[in-house]
Amino acid sequence: MNLKQAAGIEAAKFVKDGMIVGLGTGSTAYYMVEEIGRRMREEGLNITGVTTSNATKEQAEKLGIPLKSIDEVPVVDLTIDGADEISKAFQGIKGGGAALLFEKIVATYSKQVIWIVDESKLVEQLGQFPLPVEVIPYGAQQLMRIFDEKGYQPVLRQTETGQIVKTDSGHYIIDLHLEVINDPEALATYLDQLVGVVEHGLFLNMVSKVVVGSAQGVSIIDSPHQK
């Protein structure tokens, strides 16, 4: 069993009968969703899922997980999702899979958020992983210019064949190659006020627990940002 799979299966243990569960997106979250599907089939687990992307929605539907949109539930009991980087201060970067907007919406309306990662995602400070910024296509080149002038080394995300990546909402993603983010809160505030920026991949003060898969096994770390 690989590290992502082990962490995904462990995280699924936090899902209890009757919960409304936010189902994350990405390679690690995939295993968690599969395990929830298995528990429903074999253990009679009964939950409602709220998905964070079209890809997760398709996966959950195939597994027979009943789904509602974020607007059809009062609150999400627990969201389990992956992360691209988690700092010592339990701040995160997400959006490598281009699902950051829906992921952040679901996490915001969740009582508890668990991130599942392999140990390579744990870092001292954020920034080595490029920071995704989701932007409206109209005006995207103006934002590229602003980020360039700031020294953020922006790259408009494209597919391997050179097509501009579009999110589930039809937006573009600009990845900022910052190397180190000394003040995530200040950067988040700056990005939030830029016209044309829809959302960014800084997930701050959100995570309740981190489930980490390593060669030594799976560990569960409590975050100081318990909701």
Foldseek 3Di string as FASTA:
>chain_A
DDLLLQLLLVVLVVDAAAFEEEQADDDSSLNVLVNVLVCCVPVVGAYEYEYQAPVVVVSNVVSVHHYDHPVVDQAGAEYEYEFQAAAPQRKTFDCPVPSQVSVLVNLVRYLAYEYEEAPVRYYHFDQQFWKKWWFAPVCVVVVVVVCVVVVQPKDWDDDPVGHGDAGPVRTTIITGRRNGDPDLVVVQVVLVPDPGTPHIRTGPLRHQWYWYGYPVGIDIGGHPSND
